[in-house]
Amino acid sequence: MKRYSFTWWLVILPTSVTVGGTTILLTSNLTDWGAMVLVAIAVVSTFLADLAIAASMEAIAPTKVSIGPGEKHLDSDMASEKATIMSGFDSISHGQVSVRGETWRAIRAPEDTGILTTGMSVNVVDRDGLTLVVSTRSG
């Protein structure tokens, strides 16, 4: 469930109304406080209940993180992902590659000695900022 979406508010709203209304009813029947105090207590209790509901919703459906090319979940994971050489690498150690329909700046992995040509499929083995490290070797 996307945060602050219509569905998110549909879950939060009934809780707000229920907690706020119940607080006003209980405190008005159990105390002789004025209307301003009752409303203030209802607002505070509703705010706290909304925070609790939002936190529990976040725990149940956490935000998903998209892993980019060359990134790893764990240090022990292999970062390899396929890329296609778009340009460069002829007589230089850098060029451009296409991954997931996006064009990235790329450099050759230091240990790679294979020939890199336009249109060739290579492996993304690491990422340094916005520059991918590619190799003809897998992993």
N, C-alpha and C. Protein backbone atom coordinates (compact mmCIF):
# COMPACT_ATOMS: atom_id res chain seq x y z
N MET A 1 0.85 -1.17 0.00
CA MET A 1 0.00 0.00 0.00
C MET A 1 0.90 1.23 0.00
N LYS A 2 0.68 2.12 -0.95
CA LYS A 2 1.52 3.30 -1.09
C LYS A 2 1.16 4.32 -0.01
N ARG A 3 2.22 4.86 0.59
CA ARG A 3 2.04 5.85 1.65
C ARG A 3 1.29 7.06 1.12
N TYR A 4 0.30 7.54 1.88
CA TYR A 4 -0.53 8.70 1.58
C TYR A 4 -1.44 8.50 0.36
N SER A 5 -1.62 7.26 -0.06
CA SER A 5 -2.54 6.98 -1.16
C SER A 5 -3.97 7.02 -0.62
N PHE A 6 -4.94 6.94 -1.52
CA PHE A 6 -6.35 6.93 -1.12
C PHE A 6 -6.63 5.77 -0.17
N THR A 7 -6.10 4.59 -0.48
CA THR A 7 -6.30 3.42 0.38
C THR A 7 -5.69 3.64 1.76
N TRP A 8 -4.52 4.25 1.80
CA TRP A 8 -3.85 4.54 3.07
C TRP A 8 -4.75 5.41 3.94
N TRP A 9 -5.32 6.47 3.34
CA TRP A 9 -6.21 7.36 4.09
C TRP A 9 -7.49 6.64 4.50
N LEU A 10 -7.98 5.71 3.69
CA LEU A 10 -9.18 4.96 4.07
C LEU A 10 -8.94 4.10 5.31
N VAL A 11 -7.73 3.66 5.52
CA VAL A 11 -7.40 2.89 6.72
C VAL A 11 -7.25 3.82 7.92
N ILE A 12 -6.63 4.96 7.72
CA ILE A 12 -6.37 5.90 8.82
C ILE A 12 -7.65 6.62 9.28
N LEU A 13 -8.49 7.05 8.36
CA LEU A 13 -9.67 7.86 8.69
C LEU A 13 -10.62 7.21 9.69
N PRO A 14 -11.03 5.96 9.50
CA PRO A 14 -11.93 5.37 10.49
C PRO A 14 -11.32 5.30 11.89
N THR A 15 -10.03 5.08 11.95
CA THR A 15 -9.35 5.06 13.25
C THR A 15 -9.41 6.44 13.89
N SER A 16 -9.17 7.47 13.11
CA SER A 16 -9.20 8.84 13.63
C SER A 16 -10.58 9.18 14.17
N VAL A 17 -11.60 8.88 13.40
CA VAL A 17 -12.98 9.18 13.82
C VAL A 17 -13.35 8.38 15.06
N THR A 18 -13.00 7.10 15.07
CA THR A 18 -13.34 6.24 16.21
C THR A 18 -12.62 6.69 17.48
N VAL A 19 -11.33 6.91 17.39
CA VAL A 19 -10.55 7.31 18.58
C VAL A 19 -10.98 8.69 19.06
N GLY A 20 -11.11 9.64 18.15
CA GLY A 20 -11.52 11.00 18.54
C GLY A 20 -12.91 11.02 19.16
N GLY A 21 -13.85 10.35 18.52
CA GLY A 21 -15.23 10.32 19.04
C GLY A 21 -15.33 9.61 20.37
N THR A 22 -14.65 8.48 20.50
CA THR A 22 -14.66 7.73 21.76
C THR A 22 -14.04 8.54 22.89
N THR A 23 -12.95 9.23 22.59
CA THR A 23 -12.29 10.06 23.60
C THR A 23 -13.21 11.17 24.10
N ILE A 24 -13.88 11.84 23.18
CA ILE A 24 -14.80 12.92 23.58
C ILE A 24 -15.95 12.35 24.40
N LEU A 25 -16.54 11.24 23.96
CA LEU A 25 -17.66 10.64 24.72
C LEU A 25 -17.24 10.21 26.12
N LEU A 26 -16.11 9.52 26.22
CA LEU A 26 -15.67 9.04 27.53
C LEU A 26 -15.30 10.18 28.47
N THR A 27 -14.50 11.13 27.95
CA THR A 27 -14.08 12.22 28.85
C THR A 27 -15.24 13.13 29.22
N SER A 28 -16.23 13.32 28.35
CA SER A 28 -17.38 14.17 28.70
C SER A 28 -18.28 13.48 29.72
N ASN A 29 -18.36 12.14 29.67
CA ASN A 29 -19.19 11.42 30.65
C ASN A 29 -18.47 11.21 31.98
N LEU A 30 -17.16 11.14 31.96
CA LEU A 30 -16.41 10.83 33.18
C LEU A 30 -15.84 12.07 33.87
N THR A 31 -15.83 13.22 33.19
CA THR A 31 -15.26 14.43 33.78
C THR A 31 -16.21 15.60 33.56
N ASP A 32 -15.91 16.72 34.19
CA ASP A 32 -16.69 17.93 33.97
C ASP A 32 -15.85 19.00 33.27
N TRP A 33 -14.90 18.57 32.47
CA TRP A 33 -14.03 19.49 31.75
C TRP A 33 -14.81 20.22 30.67
N GLY A 34 -14.30 21.37 30.28
CA GLY A 34 -14.95 22.17 29.25
C GLY A 34 -14.73 21.60 27.86
N ALA A 35 -15.47 22.14 26.90
CA ALA A 35 -15.43 21.65 25.52
C ALA A 35 -14.04 21.78 24.90
N MET A 36 -13.33 22.89 25.20
CA MET A 36 -12.01 23.09 24.63
C MET A 36 -11.02 22.03 25.11
N VAL A 37 -11.10 21.67 26.37
CA VAL A 37 -10.22 20.64 26.92
C VAL A 37 -10.55 19.28 26.30
N LEU A 38 -11.84 18.98 26.15
CA LEU A 38 -12.27 17.71 25.55
C LEU A 38 -11.75 17.59 24.11
N VAL A 39 -11.87 18.66 23.35
CA VAL A 39 -11.40 18.65 21.96
C VAL A 39 -9.89 18.50 21.92
N ALA A 40 -9.18 19.20 22.80
CA ALA A 40 -7.72 19.11 22.83
C ALA A 40 -7.28 17.68 23.15
N ILE A 41 -7.91 17.06 24.11
CA ILE A 41 -7.58 15.67 24.48
C ILE A 41 -7.90 14.74 23.32
N ALA A 42 -9.02 14.96 22.64
CA ALA A 42 -9.41 14.12 21.50
C ALA A 42 -8.40 14.27 20.36
N VAL A 43 -7.94 15.49 20.10
CA VAL A 43 -6.97 15.72 19.03
C VAL A 43 -5.66 15.02 19.34
N VAL A 44 -5.18 15.15 20.57
CA VAL A 44 -3.91 14.51 20.96
C VAL A 44 -4.04 12.99 20.89
N SER A 45 -5.11 12.44 21.41
CA SER A 45 -5.26 10.97 21.38
C SER A 45 -5.43 10.46 19.95
N THR A 46 -6.12 11.22 19.09
CA THR A 46 -6.27 10.84 17.69
C THR A 46 -4.92 10.87 16.98
N PHE A 47 -4.13 11.91 17.24
CA PHE A 47 -2.80 12.02 16.64
C PHE A 47 -1.93 10.83 17.05
N LEU A 48 -1.94 10.48 18.32
CA LEU A 48 -1.14 9.34 18.79
C LEU A 48 -1.62 8.03 18.18
N ALA A 49 -2.93 7.86 18.07
CA ALA A 49 -3.48 6.64 17.46
C ALA A 49 -3.12 6.56 15.98
N ASP A 50 -3.17 7.71 15.27
CA ASP A 50 -2.80 7.73 13.85
C ASP A 50 -1.33 7.38 13.66
N LEU A 51 -0.47 7.88 14.55
CA LEU A 51 0.95 7.52 14.48
C LEU A 51 1.14 6.02 14.68
N ALA A 52 0.42 5.45 15.62
CA ALA A 52 0.53 4.01 15.88
C ALA A 52 0.05 3.20 14.68
N ILE A 53 -1.05 3.60 14.07
CA ILE A 53 -1.58 2.90 12.90
C ILE A 53 -0.61 3.05 11.72
N ALA A 54 -0.11 4.26 11.49
CA ALA A 54 0.83 4.48 10.38
C ALA A 54 2.10 3.65 10.57
N ALA A 55 2.60 3.58 11.80
CA ALA A 55 3.80 2.77 12.07
C ALA A 55 3.53 1.29 11.84
N SER A 56 2.37 0.81 12.25
CA SER A 56 2.06 -0.61 12.04
C SER A 56 1.85 -0.91 10.56
N MET A 57 1.27 0.03 9.81
CA MET A 57 1.10 -0.17 8.37
C MET A 57 2.46 -0.19 7.68
N GLU A 58 3.38 0.64 8.14
CA GLU A 58 4.72 0.67 7.56
C GLU A 58 5.46 -0.63 7.85
N ALA A 59 5.23 -1.19 9.03
CA ALA A 59 5.88 -2.46 9.39
C ALA A 59 5.31 -3.61 8.56
N ILE A 60 4.03 -3.55 8.26
CA ILE A 60 3.39 -4.62 7.50
C ILE A 60 3.76 -4.53 6.02
N ALA A 61 3.76 -3.32 5.47
CA ALA A 61 4.05 -3.11 4.04
C ALA A 61 5.15 -2.08 3.88
N PRO A 62 6.40 -2.46 4.17
CA PRO A 62 7.49 -1.48 4.07
C PRO A 62 7.73 -1.04 2.63
N THR A 63 8.33 0.11 2.48
CA THR A 63 8.68 0.64 1.17
C THR A 63 9.71 -0.27 0.52
N LYS A 64 9.50 -0.57 -0.73
CA LYS A 64 10.44 -1.42 -1.46
C LYS A 64 11.60 -0.59 -1.99
N VAL A 65 12.78 -1.14 -1.93
CA VAL A 65 13.97 -0.46 -2.43
C VAL A 65 14.39 -1.14 -3.74
N SER A 66 14.59 -0.35 -4.76
CA SER A 66 15.02 -0.88 -6.05
C SER A 66 16.55 -0.91 -6.09
N ILE A 67 17.09 -2.06 -6.37
CA ILE A 67 18.53 -2.21 -6.47
C ILE A 67 18.96 -1.86 -7.89
N GLY A 68 19.91 -0.94 -8.01
CA GLY A 68 20.39 -0.50 -9.32
C GLY A 68 21.44 -1.45 -9.88
N PRO A 69 21.78 -1.29 -11.14
CA PRO A 69 22.79 -2.14 -11.76
C PRO A 69 24.11 -2.05 -11.00
N GLY A 70 24.71 -3.17 -10.72
CA GLY A 70 25.98 -3.20 -10.03
C GLY A 70 25.89 -3.15 -8.52
N GLU A 71 24.68 -2.94 -7.97
CA GLU A 71 24.50 -2.92 -6.52
C GLU A 71 24.18 -4.32 -6.03
N LYS A 72 24.50 -4.58 -4.77
CA LYS A 72 24.29 -5.90 -4.19
C LYS A 72 23.49 -5.78 -2.91
N HIS A 73 22.67 -6.78 -2.61
CA HIS A 73 21.97 -6.84 -1.33
C HIS A 73 22.98 -7.09 -0.21
N LEU A 74 23.86 -8.03 -0.42
CA LEU A 74 24.88 -8.41 0.56
C LEU A 74 26.25 -8.32 -0.10
N ASP A 75 27.28 -8.11 0.71
CA ASP A 75 28.64 -8.04 0.17
C ASP A 75 29.03 -9.34 -0.52
N SER A 76 28.46 -10.47 -0.07
CA SER A 76 28.82 -11.76 -0.65
C SER A 76 28.10 -12.04 -1.98
N ASP A 77 27.07 -11.22 -2.32
CA ASP A 77 26.34 -11.41 -3.57
C ASP A 77 27.19 -11.04 -4.77
N MET A 78 26.90 -11.68 -5.88
CA MET A 78 27.52 -11.31 -7.14
C MET A 78 26.69 -10.16 -7.73
N ALA A 79 27.34 -9.12 -8.22
CA ALA A 79 26.63 -7.95 -8.73
C ALA A 79 26.26 -8.08 -10.19
N SER A 80 26.62 -9.17 -10.82
CA SER A 80 26.50 -9.31 -12.27
C SER A 80 25.09 -9.11 -12.80
N GLU A 81 25.01 -8.28 -13.83
CA GLU A 81 23.78 -8.03 -14.58
C GLU A 81 24.21 -7.77 -16.02
N LYS A 82 23.41 -8.16 -16.97
CA LYS A 82 23.77 -7.99 -18.38
C LYS A 82 23.58 -6.55 -18.85
N ALA A 83 24.50 -6.10 -19.69
CA ALA A 83 24.44 -4.77 -20.31
C ALA A 83 24.88 -4.92 -21.76
N THR A 84 24.47 -3.97 -22.59
CA THR A 84 24.87 -3.95 -24.00
C THR A 84 25.72 -2.71 -24.24
N ILE A 85 26.86 -2.89 -24.86
CA ILE A 85 27.75 -1.76 -25.14
C ILE A 85 27.12 -0.90 -26.24
N MET A 86 27.00 0.40 -25.96
CA MET A 86 26.41 1.34 -26.91
C MET A 86 27.50 2.08 -27.69
N SER A 87 28.59 2.46 -27.00
CA SER A 87 29.68 3.18 -27.67
C SER A 87 30.93 3.15 -26.79
N GLY A 88 32.05 3.55 -27.39
CA GLY A 88 33.31 3.63 -26.66
C GLY A 88 34.02 2.29 -26.60
N PHE A 89 35.01 2.21 -25.74
CA PHE A 89 35.80 1.01 -25.46
C PHE A 89 36.71 0.59 -26.62
N ASP A 90 36.72 1.32 -27.74
CA ASP A 90 37.56 0.92 -28.87
C ASP A 90 39.04 1.02 -28.50
N SER A 91 39.49 2.20 -28.18
CA SER A 91 40.90 2.37 -27.80
C SER A 91 41.02 2.98 -26.40
N ILE A 92 39.88 3.10 -25.70
CA ILE A 92 39.85 3.68 -24.36
C ILE A 92 39.18 2.70 -23.40
N SER A 93 39.34 2.95 -22.12
CA SER A 93 38.81 2.01 -21.13
C SER A 93 37.41 2.37 -20.64
N HIS A 94 36.75 3.34 -21.29
CA HIS A 94 35.40 3.68 -20.87
C HIS A 94 34.49 3.87 -22.09
N GLY A 95 33.19 3.87 -21.82
CA GLY A 95 32.21 4.02 -22.88
C GLY A 95 30.82 4.12 -22.28
N GLN A 96 29.82 3.78 -23.08
CA GLN A 96 28.44 3.80 -22.61
C GLN A 96 27.81 2.44 -22.84
N VAL A 97 26.98 2.03 -21.86
CA VAL A 97 26.27 0.76 -21.96
C VAL A 97 24.79 0.99 -21.69
N SER A 98 23.98 0.07 -22.15
CA SER A 98 22.54 0.13 -21.90
C SER A 98 22.16 -1.00 -20.95
N VAL A 99 21.50 -0.64 -19.85
CA VAL A 99 21.02 -1.60 -18.86
C VAL A 99 19.59 -1.22 -18.53
N ARG A 100 18.67 -2.18 -18.63
CA ARG A 100 17.26 -1.94 -18.30
C ARG A 100 16.68 -0.76 -19.08
N GLY A 101 17.15 -0.57 -20.30
CA GLY A 101 16.65 0.51 -21.14
C GLY A 101 17.25 1.88 -20.83
N GLU A 102 18.23 1.94 -19.93
CA GLU A 102 18.88 3.20 -19.58
C GLU A 102 20.33 3.17 -20.05
N THR A 103 20.84 4.33 -20.44
CA THR A 103 22.23 4.44 -20.86
C THR A 103 23.07 4.91 -19.68
N TRP A 104 24.14 4.17 -19.41
CA TRP A 104 25.03 4.46 -18.30
C TRP A 104 26.45 4.65 -18.80
N ARG A 105 27.22 5.49 -18.10
CA ARG A 105 28.66 5.57 -18.35
C ARG A 105 29.26 4.31 -17.74
N ALA A 106 30.25 3.75 -18.40
CA ALA A 106 30.84 2.50 -17.91
C ALA A 106 32.34 2.50 -18.12
N ILE A 107 33.01 1.77 -17.24
CA ILE A 107 34.45 1.55 -17.39
C ILE A 107 34.70 0.05 -17.39
N ARG A 108 35.82 -0.32 -17.97
CA ARG A 108 36.21 -1.73 -18.02
C ARG A 108 36.75 -2.15 -16.65
N ALA A 109 36.40 -3.34 -16.21
CA ALA A 109 36.96 -3.88 -14.97
C ALA A 109 38.47 -4.03 -15.13
N PRO A 110 39.24 -3.68 -14.09
CA PRO A 110 40.71 -3.71 -14.20
C PRO A 110 41.26 -5.07 -14.63
N GLU A 111 40.66 -6.16 -14.18
CA GLU A 111 41.19 -7.49 -14.51
C GLU A 111 40.69 -8.02 -15.85
N ASP A 112 39.81 -7.27 -16.52
CA ASP A 112 39.24 -7.73 -17.79
C ASP A 112 40.18 -7.43 -18.95
N THR A 113 40.45 -8.43 -19.75
CA THR A 113 41.34 -8.26 -20.91
C THR A 113 40.63 -8.54 -22.22
N GLY A 114 39.34 -8.86 -22.17
CA GLY A 114 38.61 -9.18 -23.39
C GLY A 114 38.37 -7.95 -24.25
N ILE A 115 38.04 -8.18 -25.51
CA ILE A 115 37.77 -7.10 -26.45
C ILE A 115 36.31 -6.69 -26.29
N LEU A 116 36.06 -5.38 -26.15
CA LEU A 116 34.71 -4.84 -26.00
C LEU A 116 34.34 -4.07 -27.26
N THR A 117 33.23 -4.48 -27.91
CA THR A 117 32.79 -3.81 -29.13
C THR A 117 31.33 -3.42 -29.02
N THR A 118 30.94 -2.43 -29.81
CA THR A 118 29.56 -1.94 -29.81
C THR A 118 28.59 -3.09 -30.12
N GLY A 119 27.51 -3.17 -29.35
CA GLY A 119 26.50 -4.21 -29.52
C GLY A 119 26.77 -5.47 -28.72
N MET A 120 27.95 -5.57 -28.16
CA MET A 120 28.34 -6.76 -27.40
C MET A 120 27.64 -6.77 -26.03
N SER A 121 27.30 -7.96 -25.56
CA SER A 121 26.72 -8.12 -24.23
C SER A 121 27.85 -8.33 -23.22
N VAL A 122 27.81 -7.56 -22.14
CA VAL A 122 28.82 -7.66 -21.08
C VAL A 122 28.12 -7.79 -19.73
N ASN A 123 28.90 -8.08 -18.71
CA ASN A 123 28.37 -8.20 -17.35
C ASN A 123 28.71 -6.96 -16.54
N VAL A 124 27.71 -6.44 -15.83
CA VAL A 124 27.96 -5.35 -14.89
C VAL A 124 28.41 -6.02 -13.60
N VAL A 125 29.65 -5.77 -13.20
CA VAL A 125 30.20 -6.45 -12.03
C VAL A 125 30.32 -5.55 -10.80
N ASP A 126 30.15 -4.24 -11.00
CA ASP A 126 30.22 -3.32 -9.86
C ASP A 126 29.67 -1.98 -10.31
N ARG A 127 29.55 -1.07 -9.35
CA ARG A 127 29.10 0.27 -9.66
C ARG A 127 29.86 1.24 -8.78
N ASP A 128 30.35 2.32 -9.37
CA ASP A 128 31.06 3.36 -8.64
C ASP A 128 30.31 4.66 -8.89
N GLY A 129 29.43 5.03 -7.97
CA GLY A 129 28.57 6.20 -8.17
C GLY A 129 27.64 5.96 -9.34
N LEU A 130 27.75 6.80 -10.39
CA LEU A 130 26.92 6.65 -11.58
C LEU A 130 27.67 5.98 -12.72
N THR A 131 28.79 5.37 -12.42
CA THR A 131 29.58 4.68 -13.43
C THR A 131 29.56 3.17 -13.15
N LEU A 132 29.18 2.40 -14.16
CA LEU A 132 29.16 0.95 -14.03
C LEU A 132 30.52 0.38 -14.39
N VAL A 133 30.87 -0.71 -13.76
CA VAL A 133 32.11 -1.43 -14.08
C VAL A 133 31.68 -2.70 -14.81
N VAL A 134 32.18 -2.87 -16.05
CA VAL A 134 31.75 -3.99 -16.88
C VAL A 134 32.92 -4.91 -17.20
N SER A 135 32.55 -6.16 -17.51
CA SER A 135 33.56 -7.16 -17.83
C SER A 135 32.99 -8.16 -18.81
N THR A 136 33.87 -8.77 -19.59
CA THR A 136 33.44 -9.85 -20.48
C THR A 136 33.27 -11.14 -19.69
N ARG A 137 33.87 -11.20 -18.52
CA ARG A 137 33.74 -12.38 -17.65
C ARG A 137 32.48 -12.28 -16.83
N SER A 138 31.88 -13.40 -16.47
CA SER A 138 30.69 -13.38 -15.61
C SER A 138 31.14 -13.36 -14.16
N GLY A 139 30.40 -12.55 -13.34
CA GLY A 139 30.65 -12.45 -11.91
C GLY A 139 32.00 -11.99 -11.65
